[in-house]
C-alpha atoms as a PDB file:
ATOM      1  CA  MET A   1     -41.542  21.125   1.166  1.00  0.00           C
ATOM      2  CA  ARG A   2     -38.168  21.835   2.785  1.00  0.00           C
ATOM      3  CA  GLU A   3     -35.339  19.453   1.605  1.00  0.00           C
ATOM      4  CA  THR A   4     -34.465  16.752   4.232  1.00  0.00           C
ATOM      5  CA  PRO A   5     -31.037  18.618   5.680  1.00  0.00           C
ATOM      6  CA  LEU A   6     -28.109  16.670   5.429  1.00  0.00           C
ATOM      7  CA  PHE A   7     -25.683  16.198   8.638  1.00  0.00           C
ATOM      8  CA  ARG A   8     -22.525  15.446   7.049  1.00  0.00           C
ATOM      9  CA  THR A   9     -20.324  17.208   4.680  1.00  0.00           C
ATOM     10  CA  PRO A  10     -20.001  15.399   1.451  1.00  0.00           C
ATOM     11  CA  VAL A  11     -16.604  14.949   0.045  1.00  0.00           C
ATOM     12  CA  SER A  12     -16.186  14.370  -3.558  1.00  0.00           C
ATOM     13  CA  ALA A  13     -13.753  11.553  -4.992  1.00  0.00           C
ATOM     14  CA  ALA A  14     -13.775  12.217  -8.626  1.00  0.00           C
ATOM     15  CA  PRO A  15     -13.618   9.057 -11.074  1.00  0.00           C
ATOM     16  CA  SER A  16     -10.043   8.192 -11.687  1.00  0.00           C
ATOM     17  CA  ALA A  17      -8.899   8.570 -15.544  1.00  0.00           C
ATOM     18  CA  ARG A  18      -7.346   5.455 -15.606  1.00  0.00           C
ATOM     19  CA  PRO A  19      -9.960   2.937 -13.475  1.00  0.00           C
ATOM     20  CA  ILE A  20      -8.150  -0.270 -12.370  1.00  0.00           C
ATOM     21  CA  GLN A  21      -9.781  -3.244 -14.445  1.00  0.00           C
ATOM     22  CA  PRO A  22     -10.342  -6.416 -13.105  1.00  0.00           C
ATOM     23  CA  HIS A  23      -7.664  -8.351 -14.672  1.00  0.00           C
ATOM     24  CA  GLU A  24      -4.960  -5.521 -13.873  1.00  0.00           C
ATOM     25  CA  GLY A  25      -2.145  -6.078 -11.191  1.00  0.00           C
ATOM     26  CA  CYS A  26      -2.152  -3.725  -8.770  1.00  0.00           C
ATOM     27  CA  VAL A  27       1.040  -2.972  -5.983  1.00  0.00           C
ATOM     28  CA  ALA A  28       0.256  -0.902  -2.597  1.00  0.00           C
ATOM     29  CA  LEU A  29       2.552   0.184  -0.645  1.00  0.00           C
ATOM     30  CA  GLY A  30       2.996   2.700   2.513  1.00  0.00           C
ATOM     31  CA  SER A  31       1.180   2.584   5.914  1.00  0.00           C
ATOM     32  CA  CYS A  32      -1.444   0.966   7.600  1.00  0.00           C
ATOM     33  CA  PHE A  33      -4.133   2.612   6.291  1.00  0.00           C
ATOM     34  CA  ALA A  34      -2.495   1.066   2.613  1.00  0.00           C
ATOM     35  CA  GLN A  35      -2.545  -2.646   4.291  1.00  0.00           C
ATOM     36  CA  GLU A  36      -6.151  -1.710   5.184  1.00  0.00           C
ATOM     37  CA  MET A  37      -7.326  -0.884   1.665  1.00  0.00           C
ATOM     38  CA  GLY A  38      -4.844  -4.048  -0.403  1.00  0.00           C
ATOM     39  CA  THR A  39      -5.917  -6.753   2.196  1.00  0.00           C
ATOM     40  CA  ARG A  40      -9.822  -5.472   0.843  1.00  0.00           C
ATOM     41  CA  MET A  41      -8.356  -5.650  -2.928  1.00  0.00           C
ATOM     42  CA  ASP A  42      -7.156  -9.242  -2.506  1.00  0.00           C
ATOM     43  CA  GLU A  43     -10.139 -10.394  -0.575  1.00  0.00           C
ATOM     44  CA  HIS A  44     -12.724  -8.731  -3.609  1.00  0.00           C
ATOM     45  CA  GLY A  45     -10.398 -11.043  -5.764  1.00  0.00           C
ATOM     46  CA  LEU A  46      -8.426  -8.143  -7.423  1.00  0.00           C
ATOM     47  CA  ARG A  47      -4.645  -8.735  -8.254  1.00  0.00           C
ATOM     48  CA  VAL A  48      -2.745  -6.727  -5.407  1.00  0.00           C
ATOM     49  CA  LEU A  49       1.021  -7.306  -3.852  1.00  0.00           C
ATOM     50  CA  CYS A  50       0.460  -5.208  -0.455  1.00  0.00           C
ATOM     51  CA  ASN A  51       3.495  -4.400   1.432  1.00  0.00           C
ATOM     52  CA  PRO A  52       5.786  -7.304   1.196  1.00  0.00           C
ATOM     53  CA  LEU A  53       8.236  -6.086   3.229  1.00  0.00           C
ATOM     54  CA  GLY A  54       5.993  -4.278   6.168  1.00  0.00           C
ATOM     55  CA  THR A  55       4.082  -1.066   6.562  1.00  0.00           C
ATOM     56  CA  LEU A  56       5.896   2.216   5.733  1.00  0.00           C
ATOM     57  CA  TYR A  57       5.352   5.252   6.622  1.00  0.00           C
ATOM     58  CA  ASN A  58       7.251   8.410   5.054  1.00  0.00           C
ATOM     59  CA  PRO A  59       8.007   9.102   1.369  1.00  0.00           C
ATOM     60  CA  ALA A  60      11.656   8.478   1.634  1.00  0.00           C
ATOM     61  CA  SER A  61      11.156   5.104   3.725  1.00  0.00           C
ATOM     62  CA  ILE A  62       8.995   4.606   0.259  1.00  0.00           C
ATOM     63  CA  ALA A  63      10.851   5.883  -2.420  1.00  0.00           C
ATOM     64  CA  LEU A  64      13.990   4.202  -0.890  1.00  0.00           C
ATOM     65  CA  LEU A  65      11.876   0.227  -1.065  1.00  0.00           C
ATOM     66  CA  VAL A  66      10.897   1.293  -4.641  1.00  0.00           C
ATOM     67  CA  HIS A  67      14.487   2.158  -5.855  1.00  0.00           C
ATOM     68  CA  HIS A  68      15.843  -1.651  -4.345  1.00  0.00           C
ATOM     69  CA  ALA A  69      13.316  -3.232  -5.642  1.00  0.00           C
ATOM     70  CA  VAL A  70      13.177  -1.713  -9.214  1.00  0.00           C
ATOM     71  CA  GLU A  71      17.328  -1.903  -8.983  1.00  0.00           C
ATOM     72  CA  GLY A  72      17.644  -5.014  -7.927  1.00  0.00           C
ATOM     73  CA  GLY A  73      20.298  -4.110  -5.113  1.00  0.00           C
ATOM     74  CA  ALA A  74      19.575  -6.777  -2.799  1.00  0.00           C
ATOM     75  CA  GLY A  75      23.250  -6.948  -2.454  1.00  0.00           C
ATOM     76  CA  HIS A  76      23.955  -3.971  -0.562  1.00  0.00           C
ATOM     77  CA  LEU A  77      21.232  -4.672   2.319  1.00  0.00           C
ATOM     78  CA  PRO A  78      21.213  -2.691   5.761  1.00  0.00           C
ATOM     79  CA  LEU A  79      20.952  -5.662   7.903  1.00  0.00           C
ATOM     80  CA  PHE A  80      21.016  -5.535  11.759  1.00  0.00           C
ATOM     81  CA  GLU A  81      21.035  -8.395  14.287  1.00  0.00           C
ATOM     82  CA  THR A  82      19.169  -7.559  17.954  1.00  0.00           C
ATOM     83  CA  ARG A  83      17.819 -10.193  20.734  1.00  0.00           C
ATOM     84  CA  GLY A  84      19.033 -13.107  18.518  1.00  0.00           C
ATOM     85  CA  ARG A  85      17.136 -12.089  15.387  1.00  0.00           C
ATOM     86  CA  TRP A  86      18.348 -10.526  12.427  1.00  0.00           C
ATOM     87  CA  ARG A  87      16.157  -7.354  10.503  1.00  0.00           C
ATOM     88  CA  CYS A  88      17.020  -4.780   7.769  1.00  0.00           C
ATOM     89  CA  TRP A  89      16.628  -1.351   8.243  1.00  0.00           C
ATOM     90  CA  LEU A  90      14.347  -1.103   4.488  1.00  0.00           C
ATOM     91  CA  ALA A  91      11.352  -3.446   6.277  1.00  0.00           C
ATOM     92  CA  GLY A  92       8.842  -3.510   8.843  1.00  0.00           C
ATOM     93  CA  THR A  93       9.313  -4.849  12.138  1.00  0.00           C
ATOM     94  CA  GLN A  94       7.478  -8.242  10.851  1.00  0.00           C
ATOM     95  CA  VAL A  95      10.433  -9.020   8.644  1.00  0.00           C
ATOM     96  CA  GLU A  96      12.788 -11.545  10.361  1.00  0.00           C
ATOM     97  CA  GLY A  97      15.399 -14.114  10.388  1.00  0.00           C
ATOM     98  CA  GLU A  98      17.306 -16.380  12.728  1.00  0.00           C
ATOM     99  CA  SER A  99      20.574 -15.961  11.105  1.00  0.00           C
ATOM    100  CA  ARG A 100      21.882 -12.800   8.536  1.00  0.00           C
ATOM    101  CA  ALA A 101      21.804 -15.580   5.309  1.00  0.00           C
ATOM    102  CA  ASP A 102      17.890 -16.332   6.477  1.00  0.00           C
ATOM    103  CA  ILE A 103      17.147 -12.262   6.474  1.00  0.00           C
ATOM    104  CA  THR A 104      19.289 -11.708   3.380  1.00  0.00           C
ATOM    105  CA  ALA A 105      17.183 -13.905   1.289  1.00  0.00           C
ATOM    106  CA  MET A 106      13.729 -13.349   2.948  1.00  0.00           C
ATOM    107  CA  VAL A 107      14.259  -9.441   2.026  1.00  0.00           C
ATOM    108  CA  ALA A 108      16.198 -10.029  -1.829  1.00  0.00           C
ATOM    109  CA  SER A 109      12.844 -12.767  -2.243  1.00  0.00           C
ATOM    110  CA  ARG A 110      10.475  -9.960  -1.536  1.00  0.00           C
ATOM    111  CA  LEU A 111      12.360  -7.353  -3.417  1.00  0.00           C
ATOM    112  CA  GLU A 112      12.613  -9.866  -6.354  1.00  0.00           C
ATOM    113  CA  ARG A 113       8.839  -9.954  -6.405  1.00  0.00           C
ATOM    114  CA  LEU A 114       7.906  -6.764  -5.547  1.00  0.00           C
ATOM    115  CA  GLY A 115      10.193  -5.188  -8.297  1.00  0.00           C
ATOM    116  CA  GLN A 116       8.476  -7.807 -10.863  1.00  0.00           C
ATOM    117  CA  ALA A 117       5.122  -6.666  -9.519  1.00  0.00           C
ATOM    118  CA  LEU A 118       5.997  -2.755 -10.160  1.00  0.00           C
ATOM    119  CA  ARG A 119       7.266  -3.661 -13.611  1.00  0.00           C
ATOM    120  CA  GLY A 120       4.054  -5.688 -14.803  1.00  0.00           C
ATOM    121  CA  ALA A 121       1.364  -3.515 -12.530  1.00  0.00           C
ATOM    122  CA  ALA A 122      -1.136  -1.267 -14.085  1.00  0.00           C
ATOM    123  CA  HIS A 123      -1.728   0.705 -10.966  1.00  0.00           C
ATOM    124  CA  LEU A 124       0.508   1.403  -7.803  1.00  0.00           C
ATOM    125  CA  ILE A 125      -1.482   2.783  -4.951  1.00  0.00           C
ATOM    126  CA  VAL A 126       1.093   4.989  -2.496  1.00  0.00           C
ATOM    127  CA  THR A 127       0.037   5.657   1.489  1.00  0.00           C
ATOM    128  CA  LEU A 128       1.644   8.493   3.222  1.00  0.00           C
ATOM    129  CA  GLY A 129       1.591   8.162   6.851  1.00  0.00           C
ATOM    130  CA  THR A 130       3.747  10.970   7.763  1.00  0.00           C
ATOM    131  CA  SER A 131       6.124  13.287   6.733  1.00  0.00           C
ATOM    132  CA  VAL A 132       9.208  12.393   9.215  1.00  0.00           C
ATOM    133  CA  CYS A 133      11.807  10.274   8.961  1.00  0.00           C
ATOM    134  CA  TYR A 134      14.207   8.522  10.782  1.00  0.00           C
ATOM    135  CA  ARG A 135      18.248   8.247  10.204  1.00  0.00           C
ATOM    136  CA  LEU A 136      21.142   6.182  11.731  1.00  0.00           C
ATOM    137  CA  ARG A 137      23.171   8.341  13.161  1.00  0.00           C
ATOM    138  CA  ASP A 138      26.089   6.603  11.848  1.00  0.00           C
ATOM    139  CA  SER A 139      25.255   6.957   8.356  1.00  0.00           C
ATOM    140  CA  GLY A 140      22.760   9.191   7.884  1.00  0.00           C
ATOM    141  CA  GLU A 141      20.463   6.517   5.971  1.00  0.00           C
ATOM    142  CA  VAL A 142      16.992   6.587   6.285  1.00  0.00           C
ATOM    143  CA  VAL A 143      15.165   3.461   8.050  1.00  0.00           C
ATOM    144  CA  ALA A 144      11.697   2.087   7.447  1.00  0.00           C
ATOM    145  CA  ASN A 145      10.888   0.970  10.727  1.00  0.00           C
ATOM    146  CA  CYS A 146      13.159   1.910  14.679  1.00  0.00           C
ATOM    147  CA  HIS A 147      12.549  -1.795  15.908  1.00  0.00           C
ATOM    148  CA  LYS A 148      12.678  -0.861  19.170  1.00  0.00           C
ATOM    149  CA  MET A 149      16.030  -0.177  18.748  1.00  0.00           C
ATOM    150  CA  PRO A 150      17.537   2.478  21.610  1.00  0.00           C
ATOM    151  CA  ALA A 151      16.376   6.025  20.145  1.00  0.00           C
ATOM    152  CA  SER A 152      20.064   7.170  20.711  1.00  0.00           C
ATOM    153  CA  LEU A 153      20.569   5.312  17.448  1.00  0.00           C
ATOM    154  CA  PHE A 154      18.704   7.565  15.146  1.00  0.00           C
ATOM    155  CA  GLN A 155      17.999  11.365  14.490  1.00  0.00           C
ATOM    156  CA  GLU A 156      14.629  12.657  14.007  1.00  0.00           C
ATOM    157  CA  ASP A 157      14.592  14.384  10.417  1.00  0.00           C
ATOM    158  CA  PRO A 158      11.041  16.649   9.689  1.00  0.00           C
ATOM    159  CA  LEU A 159      11.053  16.702   5.593  1.00  0.00           C
ATOM    160  CA  THR A 160      10.242  19.801   4.247  1.00  0.00           C
ATOM    161  CA  THR A 161       7.324  19.922   1.720  1.00  0.00           C
ATOM    162  CA  GLY A 162       9.842  20.555  -1.447  1.00  0.00           C
ATOM    163  CA  GLN A 163      11.644  17.202  -0.282  1.00  0.00           C
ATOM    164  CA  CYS A 164       8.589  15.567   0.035  1.00  0.00           C
ATOM    165  CA  ALA A 165       7.342  16.745  -3.788  1.00  0.00           C
ATOM    166  CA  ASP A 166      11.159  15.788  -4.784  1.00  0.00           C
ATOM    167  CA  VAL A 167      11.376  12.291  -3.622  1.00  0.00           C
ATOM    168  CA  LEU A 168       8.206  11.202  -4.746  1.00  0.00           C
ATOM    169  CA  THR A 169       7.951  12.845  -7.898  1.00  0.00           C
ATOM    170  CA  GLY A 170      11.477  11.274  -8.589  1.00  0.00           C
ATOM    171  CA  MET A 171      10.234   7.434  -7.724  1.00  0.00           C
ATOM    172  CA  VAL A 172       7.421   8.387  -9.729  1.00  0.00           C
ATOM    173  CA  GLY A 173       9.932   8.914 -12.307  1.00  0.00           C
ATOM    174  CA  GLU A 174      11.615   6.169 -11.760  1.00  0.00           C
ATOM    175  CA  LEU A 175       9.176   4.113 -11.936  1.00  0.00           C
ATOM    176  CA  LEU A 176       7.107   5.249 -15.177  1.00  0.00           C
ATOM    177  CA  ARG A 177      10.917   4.152 -16.697  1.00  0.00           C
ATOM    178  CA  VAL A 178      10.665   0.833 -15.838  1.00  0.00           C
ATOM    179  CA  ASN A 179       6.838   0.613 -16.474  1.00  0.00           C
ATOM    180  CA  PRO A 180       5.498   3.610 -18.462  1.00  0.00           C
ATOM    181  CA  HIS A 181       2.026   2.535 -18.484  1.00  0.00           C
ATOM    182  CA  LEU A 182       2.147   2.310 -14.561  1.00  0.00           C
ATOM    183  CA  ASN A 183      -0.761   4.811 -12.950  1.00  0.00           C
ATOM    184  CA  VAL A 184       0.053   5.716  -9.300  1.00  0.00           C
ATOM    185  CA  THR A 185      -2.446   7.020  -7.067  1.00  0.00           C
ATOM    186  CA  PHE A 186      -1.725   8.720  -3.520  1.00  0.00           C
ATOM    187  CA  THR A 187      -3.537   8.884  -0.832  1.00  0.00           C
ATOM    188  CA  VAL A 188      -2.567  10.330   3.167  1.00  0.00           C
ATOM    189  CA  SER A 189      -3.497   8.043   5.430  1.00  0.00           C
ATOM    190  CA  PRO A 190      -6.215   9.377   8.047  1.00  0.00           C
ATOM    191  CA  TYR A 191      -4.945   7.823  11.468  1.00  0.00           C
ATOM    192  CA  ARG A 192      -3.522  10.610  13.846  1.00  0.00           C
ATOM    193  CA  TYR A 193       0.380  10.457  15.033  1.00  0.00           C
ATOM    194  CA  ALA A 194      -0.478  11.043  19.179  1.00  0.00           C
ATOM    195  CA  LYS A 195       3.456  10.631  19.911  1.00  0.00           C
ATOM    196  CA  TYR A 196       4.565  13.576  17.705  1.00  0.00           C
ATOM    197  CA  GLY A 197       1.349  16.245  19.430  1.00  0.00           C
ATOM    198  CA  TYR A 198      -2.094  16.433  17.241  1.00  0.00           C
ATOM    199  CA  HIS A 199      -0.435  19.972  16.176  1.00  0.00           C
ATOM    200  CA  ARG A 200       2.606  18.712  14.687  1.00  0.00           C
ATOM    201  CA  SER A 201       1.102  15.642  13.677  1.00  0.00           C
ATOM    202  CA  GLN A 202      -1.373  17.561  11.279  1.00  0.00           C
ATOM    203  CA  LEU A 203       1.564  19.859  10.139  1.00  0.00           C
ATOM    204  CA  ALA A 204       3.176  16.642   8.975  1.00  0.00           C
ATOM    205  CA  LYS A 205      -0.036  16.085   6.832  1.00  0.00           C
ATOM    206  CA  ALA A 206      -0.577  18.966   5.444  1.00  0.00           C
ATOM    207  CA  THR A 207       3.228  18.655   4.582  1.00  0.00           C
ATOM    208  CA  LEU A 208       2.005  15.336   2.689  1.00  0.00           C
ATOM    209  CA  LEU A 209      -0.815  16.864   1.414  1.00  0.00           C
ATOM    210  CA  LEU A 210       1.140  19.849  -0.405  1.00  0.00           C
ATOM    211  CA  ALA A 211       4.061  17.624  -1.686  1.00  0.00           C
ATOM    212  CA  VAL A 212       1.224  15.170  -3.286  1.00  0.00           C
ATOM    213  CA  ASP A 213      -0.474  18.057  -4.922  1.00  0.00           C
ATOM    214  CA  GLU A 214       2.724  19.305  -6.635  1.00  0.00           C
ATOM    215  CA  VAL A 215       3.591  15.434  -7.386  1.00  0.00           C
ATOM    216  CA  CYS A 216       0.127  15.586  -9.096  1.00  0.00           C
ATOM    217  CA  ARG A 217       0.744  18.930 -11.060  1.00  0.00           C
ATOM    218  CA  ARG A 218       4.302  17.559 -12.225  1.00  0.00           C
ATOM    219  CA  GLN A 219       3.407  13.854 -13.040  1.00  0.00           C
ATOM    220  CA  GLU A 220       0.260  13.209 -15.531  1.00  0.00           C
ATOM    221  CA  ALA A 221       0.482   9.703 -14.375  1.00  0.00           C
ATOM    222  CA  ALA A 222      -0.125  10.827 -10.626  1.00  0.00           C
ATOM    223  CA  SER A 223      -3.270  11.349  -9.209  1.00  0.00           C
ATOM    224  CA  TYR A 224      -5.095  11.788  -5.736  1.00  0.00           C
ATOM    225  CA  PHE A 225      -7.845  10.065  -3.807  1.00  0.00           C
ATOM    226  CA  PRO A 226      -9.087  11.887  -0.716  1.00  0.00           C
ATOM    227  CA  ALA A 227      -9.213   9.037   2.462  1.00  0.00           C
ATOM    228  CA  TYR A 228      -7.925  11.933   4.541  1.00  0.00           C
ATOM    229  CA  GLU A 229     -10.852  14.025   3.821  1.00  0.00           C
ATOM    230  CA  LEU A 230     -13.540  11.167   3.707  1.00  0.00           C
ATOM    231  CA  LEU A 231     -12.558  10.351   7.694  1.00  0.00           C
ATOM    232  CA  LEU A 232     -11.411  13.642   8.657  1.00  0.00           C
ATOM    233  CA  ASP A 233     -14.560  15.914   7.133  1.00  0.00           C
ATOM    234  CA  GLU A 234     -17.180  13.541   6.048  1.00  0.00           C
ATOM    235  CA  LEU A 235     -16.908  11.217   8.505  1.00  0.00           C
ATOM    236  CA  ARG A 236     -16.196  13.361  11.289  1.00  0.00           C
ATOM    237  CA  ASP A 237     -16.921  11.686  14.469  1.00  0.00           C
ATOM    238  CA  TYR A 238     -15.595   9.488  17.128  1.00  0.00           C
ATOM    239  CA  ARG A 239     -17.336   6.765  16.690  1.00  0.00           C
ATOM    240  CA  PHE A 240     -15.856   5.750  13.317  1.00  0.00           C
ATOM    241  CA  TYR A 241     -12.454   5.407  15.379  1.00  0.00           C
ATOM    242  CA  THR A 242     -11.275   2.301  16.978  1.00  0.00           C
ATOM    243  CA  ASP A 243     -10.865   2.358  20.981  1.00  0.00           C
ATOM    244  CA  ASP A 244      -8.085   4.337  20.987  1.00  0.00           C
ATOM    245  CA  MET A 245      -9.309   7.260  18.709  1.00  0.00           C
ATOM    246  CA  LEU A 246      -6.337   7.319  16.341  1.00  0.00           C
ATOM    247  CA  HIS A 247      -7.109   4.856  13.979  1.00  0.00           C
ATOM    248  CA  PRO A 248     -10.267   4.303  11.596  1.00  0.00           C
ATOM    249  CA  SER A 249     -12.797   1.918  12.455  1.00  0.00           C
ATOM    250  CA  PRO A 250     -13.329  -0.826  10.413  1.00  0.00           C
ATOM    251  CA  LEU A 251     -17.168   0.843   9.631  1.00  0.00           C
ATOM    252  CA  ALA A 252     -15.204   3.748   8.433  1.00  0.00           C
ATOM    253  CA  ALA A 253     -12.492   1.638   6.736  1.00  0.00           C
ATOM    254  CA  ASP A 254     -15.404  -0.088   4.911  1.00  0.00           C
ATOM    255  CA  TYR A 255     -16.863   3.108   4.034  1.00  0.00           C
ATOM    256  CA  ILE A 256     -13.658   4.553   2.410  1.00  0.00           C
ATOM    257  CA  TRP A 257     -13.316   1.155   0.570  1.00  0.00           C
ATOM    258  CA  GLN A 258     -16.622   1.931  -0.929  1.00  0.00           C
ATOM    259  CA  ARG A 259     -15.744   4.971  -2.270  1.00  0.00           C
ATOM    260  CA  PHE A 260     -12.353   3.818  -3.494  1.00  0.00           C
ATOM    261  CA  CYS A 261     -14.232   1.527  -5.536  1.00  0.00           C
ATOM    262  CA  GLN A 262     -16.954   4.040  -6.768  1.00  0.00           C
ATOM    263  CA  SER A 263     -13.926   6.520  -7.807  1.00  0.00           C
ATOM    264  CA  GLN A 264     -10.844   3.907  -8.643  1.00  0.00           C
ATOM    265  CA  LEU A 265     -12.737   0.797 -10.356  1.00  0.00           C
ATOM    266  CA  SER A 266     -14.193   0.870 -14.286  1.00  0.00           C
ATOM    267  CA  ALA A 267     -17.548  -0.822 -14.715  1.00  0.00           C
ATOM    268  CA  ARG A 268     -16.338  -3.823 -15.487  1.00  0.00           C
ATOM    269  CA  ALA A 269     -14.190  -3.878 -12.269  1.00  0.00           C
ATOM    270  CA  LYS A 270     -17.005  -3.361 -10.460  1.00  0.00           C
ATOM    271  CA  ASP A 271     -19.296  -6.098 -11.753  1.00  0.00           C
ATOM    272  CA  TYR A 272     -16.347  -8.548 -11.024  1.00  0.00           C
ATOM    273  CA  VAL A 273     -16.170  -7.533  -7.620  1.00  0.00           C
ATOM    274  CA  ARG A 274     -20.425  -7.866  -7.633  1.00  0.00           C
ATOM    275  CA  GLU A 275     -20.130 -11.298  -8.899  1.00  0.00           C
ATOM    276  CA  TYR A 276     -17.172 -12.446  -6.786  1.00  0.00           C
ATOM    277  CA  GLU A 277     -18.751 -11.796  -3.602  1.00  0.00           C
ATOM    278  CA  PRO A 278     -20.124 -14.919  -3.200  1.00  0.00           C
ATOM    279  CA  ILE A 279     -16.568 -16.266  -3.452  1.00  0.00           C
ATOM    280  CA  ARG A 280     -15.798 -13.782  -1.190  1.00  0.00           C
ATOM    281  CA  LYS A 281     -18.153 -14.974   1.340  1.00  0.00           C
ATOM    282  CA  GLY A 282     -17.252 -18.756   1.100  1.00  0.00           C
ATOM    283  CA  LEU A 283     -13.936 -18.412   1.250  1.00  0.00           C
ATOM    284  CA  ALA A 284     -14.133 -16.351   4.413  1.00  0.00           C
ATOM    285  CA  HIS A 285     -16.529 -19.553   6.029  1.00  0.00           C
ATOM    286  CA  ARG A 286     -14.738 -20.827   8.852  1.00  0.00           C
ATOM    287  CA  PRO A 287     -16.072 -24.495   9.399  1.00  0.00           C
ATOM    288  CA  SER A 288     -16.438 -26.348  12.517  1.00  0.00           C
ATOM    289  CA  ASP A 289     -14.343 -29.513  10.553  1.00  0.00           C
ATOM    290  CA  PRO A 290     -11.873 -28.189   8.129  1.00  0.00           C
ATOM    291  CA  GLY A 291     -10.734 -31.209   7.410  1.00  0.00           C
ATOM    292  CA  SER A 292     -14.087 -33.109   6.287  1.00  0.00           C
ATOM    293  CA  ALA A 293     -14.508 -33.993   3.193  1.00  0.00           C
ATOM    294  CA  GLN A 294     -17.600 -32.123   2.777  1.00  0.00           C
ATOM    295  CA  TYR A 295     -15.760 -28.814   3.436  1.00  0.00           C
ATOM    296  CA  ARG A 296     -12.986 -29.944   0.813  1.00  0.00           C
ATOM    297  CA  ALA A 297     -15.678 -30.244  -1.528  1.00  0.00           C
ATOM    298  CA  PHE A 298     -16.994 -26.949  -0.699  1.00  0.00           C
ATOM    299  CA  ARG A 299     -13.452 -25.677  -1.472  1.00  0.00           C
ATOM    300  CA  GLN A 300     -12.780 -27.024  -4.289  1.00  0.00           C
ATOM    301  CA  ALA A 301     -16.064 -25.830  -5.624  1.00  0.00           C
ATOM    302  CA  LEU A 302     -15.517 -22.087  -4.742  1.00  0.00           C
ATOM    303  CA  GLU A 303     -12.037 -22.771  -6.552  1.00  0.00           C
ATOM    304  CA  VAL A 304     -13.836 -23.800  -9.964  1.00  0.00           C
ATOM    305  CA  ARG A 305     -16.299 -21.103  -9.930  1.00  0.00           C
ATOM    306  CA  ARG A 306     -13.276 -18.471  -8.972  1.00  0.00           C
ATOM    307  CA  GLY A 307     -11.424 -19.673 -11.964  1.00  0.00           C
ATOM    308  CA  GLU A 308     -14.300 -19.505 -14.283  1.00  0.00           C
ATOM    309  CA  LEU A 309     -14.820 -15.647 -13.031  1.00  0.00           C
ATOM    310  CA  ARG A 310     -11.424 -14.870 -13.713  1.00  0.00           C
ATOM    311  CA  LYS A 311     -11.281 -16.357 -17.281  1.00  0.00           C
ATOM    312  CA  LYS A 312     -14.316 -14.590 -17.805  1.00  0.00           C
ATOM    313  CA  TYR A 313     -12.766 -10.920 -16.736  1.00  0.00           C
ATOM    314  CA  GLY A 314      -9.731 -11.946 -18.972  1.00  0.00           C
ATOM    315  CA  PHE A 315      -7.107 -12.780 -16.009  1.00  0.00           C
ATOM    316  CA  PRO A 316      -4.096 -14.237 -17.179  1.00  0.00           C
ATOM    317  CA  CYS A 317      -3.544 -17.906 -17.571  1.00  0.00           C
ATOM    318  CA  ALA A 318      -1.240 -18.815 -14.401  1.00  0.00           C
ATOM    319  CA  PRO A 319      -1.282 -20.281 -11.096  1.00  0.00           C
ATOM    320  CA  GLU A 320      -2.924 -18.553  -8.396  1.00  0.00           C
ATOM    321  CA  GLY A 321      -3.006 -19.342  -4.754  1.00  0.00           C
ATOM    322  CA  ASP A 322      -4.013 -15.838  -3.876  1.00  0.00           C
ATOM    323  CA  GLY A 323      -4.440 -12.408  -5.684  1.00  0.00           C
ATOM    324  CA  THR A 324      -0.928 -11.358  -5.775  1.00  0.00           C
ATOM    325  CA  ARG A 325       0.755 -14.280  -7.639  1.00  0.00           C
ATOM    326  CA  THR A 326      -0.240 -13.177 -11.075  1.00  0.00           C
ATOM    327  CA  LEU A 327       1.477 -10.045 -11.093  1.00  0.00           C
ATOM    328  CA  CYS A 328       3.003 -10.069 -14.616  1.00  0.00           C
ATOM    329  CA  THR A 329       6.808  -9.207 -14.876  1.00  0.00           C
ATOM    330  CA  GLN A 330       8.886  -7.563 -17.474  1.00  0.00           C
ATOM    331  CA  GLN A 331      12.514  -7.293 -17.547  1.00  0.00           C
ATOM    332  CA  ASN A 332      14.231  -4.163 -17.723  1.00  0.00           C
ATOM    333  CA  ASN A 333      17.592  -1.940 -16.822  1.00  0.00           C
ATOM    334  CA  PRO A 334      16.079   0.761 -14.025  1.00  0.00           C
ATOM    335  CA  PRO A 335      18.557   3.260 -13.389  1.00  0.00           C
ATOM    336  CA  THR A 336      20.689   4.190 -10.319  1.00  0.00           C
ATOM    337  CA  HIS A 337      18.230   6.936  -8.184  1.00  0.00           C
ATOM    338  CA  TYR A 338      19.094  10.065  -5.875  1.00  0.00           C
ATOM    339  CA  VAL A 339      17.205   8.859  -2.786  1.00  0.00           C
ATOM    340  CA  HIS A 340      20.221   8.408  -0.499  1.00  0.00           C
ATOM    341  CA  ASN A 341      20.937  11.850  -0.750  1.00  0.00           C
ATOM    342  CA  ILE A 342      17.766  13.386   0.611  1.00  0.00           C
END
């Protein structure tokens, strides 16, 4: 009897040498795909802090943000005002304030939270979108987002494979000095940058893939999860994209999430996620009358079940409103960094 043909190209995702345990703190930084995976981790009850200053796309911006977070350098924030709103070149478009004082306090608070999370987390997931970064022409500073400001303010800077590898290696090294037990998992976003043209977009992805491969050789704490290959090689069909034909569809994100769980979660964490599923569905329920006594009792019962489950799986005994608040903290004195000179 002939084997049934398999009409796809299976992509292997090796089990993590240090898988995520249910009680461990995680941080997710990077592109929209990092946001996608971080949101799913939070929804499934895992302890994750995801992009507290918005989405980031290139290695230089991510490394610069990490440096500010662990160094505690909120006193020298690159702030600017446009159209009556204050913003920060380190942050995405979602981060804004009505005054310099507002944006300073907001960014400083989020940087402090990120720094604490990075010192206490067991896992950092970094999703890289592109090797192209943008610099302010007047200062040469790398920006995380151009904030729809005039193009004349910026200089486009495509980073080489060596530059990407060096900045990411340095970032991992800096993190390990303040958190020696941190495990760093890199992914490359499967989103395609049409604005560069598809050939340049592929060159940027190739640069990132080569750079991450080099970082994983240099740093034992670094590893790679093949999100890019799962969409481009295994799924490889426009039905797995949204209507713009560039972003992964919810179906594709669900599949990559399943593969991420298989590869990156421990057996105990998988058990926890399985037991948490009824709670996740209950929290996602949208009632017709959110203010009713019946719904309040339902939510209280869910919180009791969630507390019992987290106690069972060894979560820290600390107040929790979501999956991000219990990342433990350590106090260390991080070193200065190199990233300004990329």
